[in-house]
Amino acid sequence: MVNLHQSIVVFEQPIMITNLDRILGPSDARILSSIIIQIFLLIQLRFLLLSFSLPT
């Protein structure tokens, strides 16, 4: 499960960077995209922890 989520984030990362590069400068876009990716990772980690803690 964790590897699947990480691979999806890795695939989304270059697309987000290129789209933000057109709007902002390259340095601002990299900072923004890294923050967005970290937020996505935190959300995915929270869902993973919730799914493990839920009684099945």
Protein backbone atom coordinates (compact mmCIF):
# COMPACT_ATOMS: atom_id res chain seq x y z
CA MET A 1 0.00 0.00 0.00
CA VAL A 2 2.72 2.49 0.97
CA ASN A 3 4.73 1.79 -2.19
CA LEU A 4 1.65 2.32 -4.35
CA HIS A 5 0.94 5.72 -2.77
CA GLN A 6 4.57 6.79 -3.11
CA SER A 7 4.70 5.83 -6.80
CA ILE A 8 1.53 7.85 -7.51
CA VAL A 9 3.04 10.92 -5.80
CA VAL A 10 6.29 10.51 -7.76
CA PHE A 11 4.34 10.41 -11.04
CA GLU A 12 2.34 13.53 -10.11
CA GLN A 13 5.38 15.55 -9.04
CA PRO A 14 6.99 16.47 -12.42
CA ILE A 15 3.61 17.39 -13.94
CA MET A 16 2.89 19.78 -11.05
CA ILE A 17 6.37 21.33 -11.28
CA THR A 18 6.08 21.97 -15.03
CA ASN A 19 2.61 23.50 -14.68
CA LEU A 20 3.76 25.79 -11.87
CA ASP A 21 6.91 26.73 -13.80
CA ARG A 22 4.76 28.40 -16.45
CA ILE A 23 2.85 30.47 -13.87
CA LEU A 24 5.63 31.26 -11.38
CA GLY A 25 9.41 31.27 -11.41
CA PRO A 26 11.16 27.90 -11.28
CA SER A 27 12.39 28.29 -7.68
CA ASP A 28 8.96 29.33 -6.35
CA ALA A 29 7.33 26.46 -8.23
CA ARG A 30 9.71 23.88 -6.73
CA ILE A 31 9.06 25.17 -3.20
CA LEU A 32 5.29 25.20 -3.74
CA SER A 33 5.20 21.74 -5.31
CA SER A 34 7.32 20.24 -2.54
CA ILE A 35 4.96 21.71 0.08
CA ILE A 36 1.93 20.35 -1.81
CA ILE A 37 3.55 16.91 -2.10
CA GLN A 38 4.35 16.88 1.63
CA ILE A 39 0.73 17.74 2.46
CA PHE A 40 -0.48 14.90 0.19
CA LEU A 41 1.94 12.49 1.88
CA LEU A 42 0.70 13.52 5.33
CA ILE A 43 -2.94 12.99 4.27
CA GLN A 44 -2.10 9.58 2.81
CA LEU A 45 -0.22 8.59 5.98
CA ARG A 46 -3.20 9.62 8.12
CA PHE A 47 -5.57 7.51 5.99
CA LEU A 48 -3.18 4.56 6.17
CA LEU A 49 -2.99 4.83 9.96
CA LEU A 50 -6.77 5.13 10.19
CA SER A 51 -7.30 2.06 8.02
CA PHE A 52 -4.88 0.05 10.19
CA SER A 53 -6.45 1.22 13.47
CA LEU A 54 -10.05 0.51 12.37
CA PRO A 55 -11.33 -2.85 13.61
CA THR A 56 -11.99 -5.25 10.73
